[in-house]
Amino acid sequence: MPELRKDPIIGRWIIISKERGKRPTDFIVEKNPSKGGFCPLCPGNEKTTPPEVLSYGRSAQKANQPGWSLRVVPNKYPALVIEGDLGKEGEGLYDKMNGIGAHEVIIETPNHDEAFTDLSHERMIEVFWAYRDRLRDLSNDPRFRYVMVFKNYGSAAGASLEHSHSQLVALPILPRMIVSELEGSLSYYKYKERCVFCDIIRQEIDQDVRVVIQNDHFITITPYAPRSPFEMWVLPTKHSSCYTAMDDDQFHSLTSIFAETMTRLDKCLPGVPYNFVLHTSPLRAQPLEHFHWHFEIMPKLTSIAGFEWGSGFYINPTPPEDAAKYLKEIKL
């Protein structure tokens, strides 16, 4: 029988359609078409992008030239622009402001054919350092309240360039999803005086049916009420509300568990398109006892149609307990 499951953080309901129960081999993974041709993210083409705001692997005296191992540049076609004032105003009962923000591209590797899962530990940790360094820098701009860090892999997940990259968007407002998590976790904390994410981690470790992997500082789980088949969350096992507060050991642990998590996903569902998103506290916020930063990984295996748009429900044909089992069984 199908199940309705409620997300304990934001109260979102999910339908787990067990009789549609799908194994990894039941999904048709859309292959990413090779576009070929000119790539603006490759070494030698630095002049075709806006000037870099961060790079690793070469001296600063050679900015915007080859020799880098990671490079961050403003998006050439930004969703929001960094110049100007917010200009907040009302229009009757409607509110509006200027589209002020920052939109940047994190070029994760100089190698055009190197996928995120192919990166060495030393190269992948640079990606996570870049997120930290850009979050810290953008927090100095008082116009910005939140920075959304995300990766789209595969055309079905929204990637428009083949070259491995992730993105960030600095926003003058808090995203609705983050507001929902902040409000939901605060409500739980006021009632129980505990972090809901910490309680989830404790229960998942105790039950051990949705844990994929765990190391000294982090855990990967398939959440109890997942929106997508094989959705996973990567969370620090020790309470922390801010991504940028990690020390060196934690960055190494994050890199190790993230690499294994993504490798297991790729071996379970080869070439699957996915999105991952960093959920962290708002810029300049004090440490929050009720909120717990984490990454959410969403494979693109189902479509959102009329029922989902109309109801706000998601239908998931793979129970998270089954997904965790398949992912744990992968031989690395």
Protein backbone atom coordinates (compact mmCIF):
# COMPACT_ATOMS: atom_id res chain seq x y z
CA MET A 1 0.00 0.00 0.00
CA PRO A 2 1.28 3.54 -0.72
CA GLU A 3 2.41 5.63 2.25
CA LEU A 4 2.07 9.31 3.03
CA ARG A 5 5.18 10.49 4.86
CA LYS A 6 5.65 13.87 6.51
CA ASP A 7 8.97 15.70 6.51
CA PRO A 8 9.60 16.50 10.22
CA ILE A 9 11.37 19.79 9.46
CA ILE A 10 9.07 21.72 7.13
CA GLY A 11 5.92 19.57 7.28
CA ARG A 12 5.97 18.66 3.57
CA TRP A 13 4.06 15.47 2.71
CA ILE A 14 5.49 12.88 0.31
CA ILE A 15 3.75 9.92 -1.32
CA ILE A 16 5.88 6.76 -1.30
CA SER A 17 4.31 4.69 -4.06
CA LYS A 18 5.49 1.24 -3.01
CA GLU A 19 3.65 -0.71 -5.67
CA ARG A 20 5.53 1.28 -8.27
CA GLY A 21 8.68 0.33 -6.31
CA LYS A 22 11.61 0.84 -8.64
CA ARG A 23 15.05 -0.69 -8.46
CA PRO A 24 18.03 1.23 -9.93
CA THR A 25 17.82 -0.83 -13.15
CA ASP A 26 14.17 0.18 -13.63
CA PHE A 27 15.02 3.84 -14.24
CA ILE A 28 15.80 5.13 -17.71
CA VAL A 29 18.67 7.57 -17.24
CA GLU A 30 18.75 10.22 -19.93
CA LYS A 31 22.22 10.36 -21.43
CA ASN A 32 23.86 13.74 -21.66
CA PRO A 33 24.41 14.69 -25.31
CA SER A 34 27.97 15.73 -26.10
CA LYS A 35 27.92 19.26 -27.44
CA GLY A 36 31.60 19.59 -28.35
CA GLY A 37 32.94 22.80 -29.81
CA PHE A 38 34.25 25.84 -27.94
CA CYS A 39 34.25 25.77 -24.13
CA PRO A 40 34.66 29.11 -22.30
CA LEU A 41 35.61 27.31 -19.07
CA CYS A 42 38.69 25.55 -20.47
CA PRO A 43 42.27 26.82 -19.88
CA GLY A 44 43.37 29.23 -22.59
CA ASN A 45 39.90 30.77 -22.83
CA GLU A 46 40.11 32.87 -19.64
CA LYS A 47 39.62 36.12 -21.54
CA THR A 48 36.17 34.97 -22.69
CA THR A 49 34.83 34.96 -19.13
CA PRO A 50 34.46 37.92 -16.76
CA PRO A 51 37.60 38.47 -14.63
CA GLU A 52 38.02 35.81 -11.94
CA VAL A 53 37.19 36.59 -8.31
CA LEU A 54 39.08 33.58 -6.92
CA SER A 55 41.56 31.01 -8.18
CA TYR A 56 43.74 28.25 -6.75
CA GLY A 57 46.86 26.66 -8.15
CA ARG A 58 48.81 29.62 -9.52
CA SER A 59 50.19 32.96 -8.37
CA ALA A 60 47.92 36.00 -8.24
CA GLN A 61 50.29 37.85 -10.59
CA LYS A 62 49.03 35.64 -13.42
CA ALA A 63 45.30 36.19 -12.92
CA ASN A 64 43.00 35.22 -15.79
CA GLN A 65 45.66 33.04 -17.39
CA PRO A 66 46.17 29.25 -17.58
CA GLY A 67 47.85 27.38 -14.73
CA TRP A 68 44.90 27.28 -12.30
CA SER A 69 43.44 24.19 -10.63
CA LEU A 70 40.12 25.90 -9.74
CA ARG A 71 38.70 29.21 -10.85
CA VAL A 72 35.64 31.29 -9.83
CA VAL A 73 34.23 33.86 -12.23
CA PRO A 74 31.05 35.95 -12.38
CA ASN A 75 28.40 34.38 -14.59
CA LYS A 76 28.49 36.04 -17.99
CA TYR A 77 24.68 35.95 -18.08
CA PRO A 78 23.77 36.53 -14.41
CA ALA A 79 20.35 35.97 -12.91
CA LEU A 80 21.04 39.02 -10.69
CA VAL A 81 23.50 41.91 -11.10
CA ILE A 82 25.92 43.14 -8.47
CA GLU A 83 25.86 46.86 -9.28
CA GLY A 84 23.21 49.16 -7.84
CA ASP A 85 20.90 49.68 -4.90
CA LEU A 86 18.04 47.45 -3.83
CA GLY A 87 15.44 50.18 -4.44
CA LYS A 88 12.69 48.48 -2.45
CA GLU A 89 9.21 49.84 -3.12
CA GLY A 90 5.56 48.92 -3.06
CA GLU A 91 3.18 48.85 -5.99
CA GLY A 92 -0.21 48.73 -4.32
CA LEU A 93 -0.32 45.43 -2.46
CA TYR A 94 2.72 44.16 -4.39
CA ASP A 95 6.37 44.49 -3.33
CA LYS A 96 9.37 44.71 -5.59
CA MET A 97 13.07 45.62 -5.60
CA ASN A 98 15.91 45.78 -8.08
CA GLY A 99 17.48 42.48 -9.09
CA ILE A 100 20.65 42.98 -7.07
CA GLY A 101 22.84 40.02 -6.21
CA ALA A 102 25.87 38.05 -7.36
CA HIS A 103 25.92 35.06 -9.67
CA GLU A 104 29.20 33.15 -9.92
CA VAL A 105 30.52 30.00 -11.57
CA ILE A 106 32.95 27.69 -9.74
CA ILE A 107 35.03 25.99 -12.46
CA GLU A 108 35.98 22.83 -10.60
CA THR A 109 38.75 21.52 -12.85
CA PRO A 110 40.83 22.69 -15.83
CA ASN A 111 40.21 19.30 -17.50
CA HIS A 112 37.15 19.50 -19.76
CA ASP A 113 36.46 15.75 -19.61
CA GLU A 114 36.92 15.32 -15.84
CA ALA A 115 33.66 14.74 -13.97
CA PHE A 116 33.09 15.79 -10.38
CA THR A 117 33.29 12.14 -9.29
CA ASP A 118 36.70 11.85 -11.02
CA LEU A 119 38.32 14.59 -8.92
CA SER A 120 41.08 13.55 -6.55
CA HIS A 121 40.69 14.31 -2.85
CA GLU A 122 43.09 17.24 -3.21
CA ARG A 123 41.09 18.70 -6.08
CA MET A 124 37.64 18.08 -4.61
CA ILE A 125 38.53 19.73 -1.31
CA GLU A 126 39.37 22.87 -3.30
CA VAL A 127 35.75 22.98 -4.46
CA PHE A 128 34.53 22.97 -0.86
CA TRP A 129 37.16 25.55 0.10
CA ALA A 130 35.96 27.76 -2.75
CA TYR A 131 32.40 27.64 -1.41
CA ARG A 132 33.72 28.70 2.00
CA ASP A 133 35.90 31.50 0.66
CA ARG A 134 33.18 32.97 -1.54
CA LEU A 135 30.58 32.75 1.25
CA ARG A 136 32.92 34.63 3.58
CA ASP A 137 33.70 37.30 1.00
CA LEU A 138 30.09 37.87 -0.05
CA SER A 139 29.00 38.12 3.59
CA ASN A 140 30.84 41.46 3.69
CA ASP A 141 28.23 42.99 1.38
CA PRO A 142 25.34 44.20 3.58
CA ARG A 143 22.90 44.01 0.64
CA PHE A 144 23.09 40.21 0.62
CA ARG A 145 21.24 38.01 3.11
CA TYR A 146 21.89 34.55 1.73
CA VAL A 147 24.16 32.70 -0.71
CA MET A 148 22.73 29.68 -2.48
CA VAL A 149 25.45 27.22 -3.58
CA PHE A 150 24.41 24.51 -6.01
CA LYS A 151 25.53 22.15 -8.75
CA ASN A 152 23.56 21.03 -11.79
CA TYR A 153 24.92 17.91 -13.50
CA GLY A 154 23.48 16.84 -16.83
CA SER A 155 21.19 18.71 -19.19
CA ALA A 156 18.09 17.16 -17.58
CA ALA A 157 19.18 18.76 -14.28
CA GLY A 158 19.71 22.19 -15.83
CA ALA A 159 23.42 22.15 -16.77
CA SER A 160 24.06 24.19 -19.91
CA LEU A 161 27.82 23.54 -20.11
CA GLU A 162 29.58 20.15 -20.13
CA HIS A 163 32.68 21.36 -18.27
CA SER A 164 32.37 20.42 -14.58
CA HIS A 165 31.25 23.43 -12.57
CA SER A 166 28.96 24.54 -9.78
CA GLN A 167 27.36 27.91 -9.10
CA LEU A 168 26.39 30.32 -6.37
CA VAL A 169 23.83 33.10 -6.24
CA ALA A 170 23.95 35.78 -3.54
CA LEU A 171 20.46 37.04 -2.73
CA PRO A 172 19.08 40.16 -1.00
CA ILE A 173 16.29 38.01 0.51
CA LEU A 174 16.06 34.60 2.17
CA PRO A 175 14.88 31.80 -0.16
CA ARG A 176 11.49 30.32 0.72
CA MET A 177 12.95 26.84 1.29
CA ILE A 178 15.51 28.16 3.78
CA VAL A 179 12.83 30.20 5.57
CA SER A 180 10.70 27.05 5.85
CA GLU A 181 13.61 25.08 7.32
CA LEU A 182 14.50 27.87 9.75
CA GLU A 183 10.90 28.25 10.90
CA GLY A 184 10.23 24.51 11.10
CA SER A 185 13.42 23.74 13.01
CA LEU A 186 12.83 26.69 15.38
CA SER A 187 9.30 25.47 16.11
CA TYR A 188 10.67 22.01 16.93
CA TYR A 189 13.39 23.51 19.12
CA LYS A 190 10.91 25.63 21.09
CA TYR A 191 8.81 22.53 21.79
CA LYS A 192 11.59 20.00 22.54
CA GLU A 193 14.66 22.18 23.19
CA ARG A 194 16.63 20.04 20.73
CA CYS A 195 17.74 20.44 17.12
CA VAL A 196 15.48 18.44 14.81
CA PHE A 197 18.41 17.62 12.53
CA CYS A 198 20.42 16.25 15.47
CA ASP A 199 17.42 14.14 16.48
CA ILE A 200 17.12 12.85 12.90
CA ILE A 201 20.80 11.88 12.89
CA ARG A 202 20.50 10.06 16.23
CA GLN A 203 17.43 8.13 15.10
CA GLU A 204 18.91 7.24 11.71
CA ILE A 205 22.09 5.90 13.34
CA ASP A 206 20.01 3.93 15.85
CA GLN A 207 17.66 2.43 13.24
CA ASP A 208 20.36 2.02 10.55
CA VAL A 209 17.91 1.54 7.67
CA ARG A 210 18.48 4.83 5.83
CA VAL A 211 22.18 5.41 6.58
CA VAL A 212 24.30 5.13 3.44
CA ILE A 213 27.75 5.86 4.92
CA GLN A 214 29.28 7.60 7.91
CA ASN A 215 32.75 8.81 8.90
CA ASP A 216 34.30 10.69 11.82
CA HIS A 217 32.46 13.96 11.18
CA PHE A 218 29.67 13.35 8.64
CA ILE A 219 26.81 11.06 7.73
CA THR A 220 24.95 10.44 4.46
CA ILE A 221 21.32 9.36 4.74
CA THR A 222 18.34 8.87 2.49
CA PRO A 223 15.76 11.11 4.20
CA TYR A 224 12.56 9.65 5.62
CA ALA A 225 10.32 11.65 3.25
CA PRO A 226 12.39 12.07 0.06
CA ARG A 227 11.09 14.09 -2.88
CA SER A 228 13.13 12.11 -5.40
CA PRO A 229 14.23 8.48 -5.73
CA PHE A 230 17.73 8.15 -4.24
CA GLU A 231 17.66 11.61 -2.67
CA MET A 232 20.45 11.90 -0.09
CA TRP A 233 21.48 14.37 2.61
CA VAL A 234 25.04 14.85 3.85
CA LEU A 235 25.10 16.27 7.39
CA PRO A 236 27.75 16.97 10.03
CA THR A 237 27.18 14.61 12.94
CA LYS A 238 28.14 17.33 15.44
CA HIS A 239 25.73 20.26 15.57
CA SER A 240 26.71 23.24 13.43
CA SER A 241 24.52 25.81 11.70
CA CYS A 242 27.16 27.44 9.49
CA TYR A 243 29.12 25.79 6.68
CA THR A 244 32.01 28.26 6.94
CA ALA A 245 32.71 27.29 10.59
CA MET A 246 34.37 24.00 9.59
CA ASP A 247 38.02 23.32 10.50
CA ASP A 248 40.58 21.52 8.31
CA ASP A 249 39.76 18.02 9.63
CA GLN A 250 36.08 18.56 8.91
CA PHE A 251 36.79 19.74 5.35
CA HIS A 252 38.82 16.58 4.72
CA SER A 253 36.04 14.41 6.20
CA LEU A 254 33.40 16.23 4.13
CA THR A 255 35.43 15.68 0.96
CA SER A 256 35.88 11.97 1.72
CA ILE A 257 32.22 11.27 2.43
CA PHE A 258 30.97 13.42 -0.44
CA ALA A 259 33.28 11.68 -2.92
CA GLU A 260 32.09 8.25 -1.77
CA THR A 261 28.45 9.35 -1.74
CA MET A 262 28.60 10.62 -5.32
CA THR A 263 30.60 7.59 -6.49
CA ARG A 264 27.99 5.25 -5.00
CA LEU A 265 25.22 7.21 -6.73
CA ASP A 266 27.05 7.10 -10.07
CA LYS A 267 27.73 3.36 -9.84
CA CYS A 268 24.15 2.67 -8.76
CA LEU A 269 22.65 4.87 -11.49
CA PRO A 270 25.41 5.44 -14.07
CA GLY A 271 25.40 8.93 -15.55
CA VAL A 272 22.30 10.04 -13.64
CA PRO A 273 21.62 13.80 -13.82
CA TYR A 274 21.46 15.43 -10.40
CA ASN A 275 21.39 18.65 -8.44
CA PHE A 276 23.03 19.24 -5.10
CA VAL A 277 22.40 22.28 -2.93
CA LEU A 278 24.07 23.61 0.20
CA HIS A 279 21.66 24.62 2.98
CA THR A 280 23.45 26.83 5.50
CA SER A 281 22.56 29.66 7.86
CA PRO A 282 21.89 33.20 6.58
CA LEU A 283 24.87 35.50 6.13
CA ARG A 284 26.19 37.15 9.30
CA ALA A 285 23.86 35.07 11.50
CA GLN A 286 25.00 34.09 14.96
CA PRO A 287 25.33 30.31 15.57
CA LEU A 288 21.82 28.83 15.62
CA GLU A 289 20.96 26.09 18.10
CA HIS A 290 17.94 24.95 16.08
CA PHE A 291 19.38 24.80 12.54
CA HIS A 292 21.90 22.34 11.11
CA TRP A 293 23.70 22.99 7.81
CA HIS A 294 23.72 20.19 5.22
CA PHE A 295 23.90 19.28 1.55
CA GLU A 296 20.87 17.87 -0.27
CA ILE A 297 21.51 15.68 -3.35
CA MET A 298 18.59 15.21 -5.75
CA PRO A 299 18.93 12.78 -8.70
CA LYS A 300 16.74 13.74 -11.65
CA LEU A 301 14.70 10.55 -12.11
CA THR A 302 11.07 11.70 -12.00
CA SER A 303 9.09 14.55 -13.50
CA ILE A 304 6.91 17.11 -11.78
CA ALA A 305 3.46 17.08 -13.43
CA GLY A 306 -0.01 18.44 -12.78
CA PHE A 307 -0.68 16.61 -9.51
CA GLU A 308 2.64 17.70 -8.02
CA TRP A 309 2.24 21.32 -9.11
CA GLY A 310 -1.36 21.46 -7.93
CA SER A 311 -0.96 19.69 -4.60
CA GLY A 312 2.62 20.45 -3.56
CA PHE A 313 3.07 16.70 -2.97
CA TYR A 314 5.89 14.67 -4.52
CA ILE A 315 5.42 11.05 -5.63
CA ASN A 316 8.45 8.84 -5.06
CA PRO A 317 8.42 5.27 -6.43
CA THR A 318 11.47 4.12 -4.43
CA PRO A 319 11.24 3.92 -0.62
CA PRO A 320 14.32 5.52 0.97
CA GLU A 321 15.03 2.30 2.89
CA ASP A 322 15.39 0.48 -0.44
CA ALA A 323 17.51 3.28 -1.90
CA ALA A 324 19.89 3.16 1.07
CA LYS A 325 20.17 -0.63 0.70
CA TYR A 326 21.04 -0.40 -3.00
CA LEU A 327 23.58 2.37 -2.39
CA LYS A 328 25.27 0.53 0.50
CA GLU A 329 25.55 -2.68 -1.58
CA ILE A 330 27.67 -0.94 -4.23
CA LYS A 331 31.19 -2.40 -4.40
CA LEU A 332 33.80 0.36 -4.64
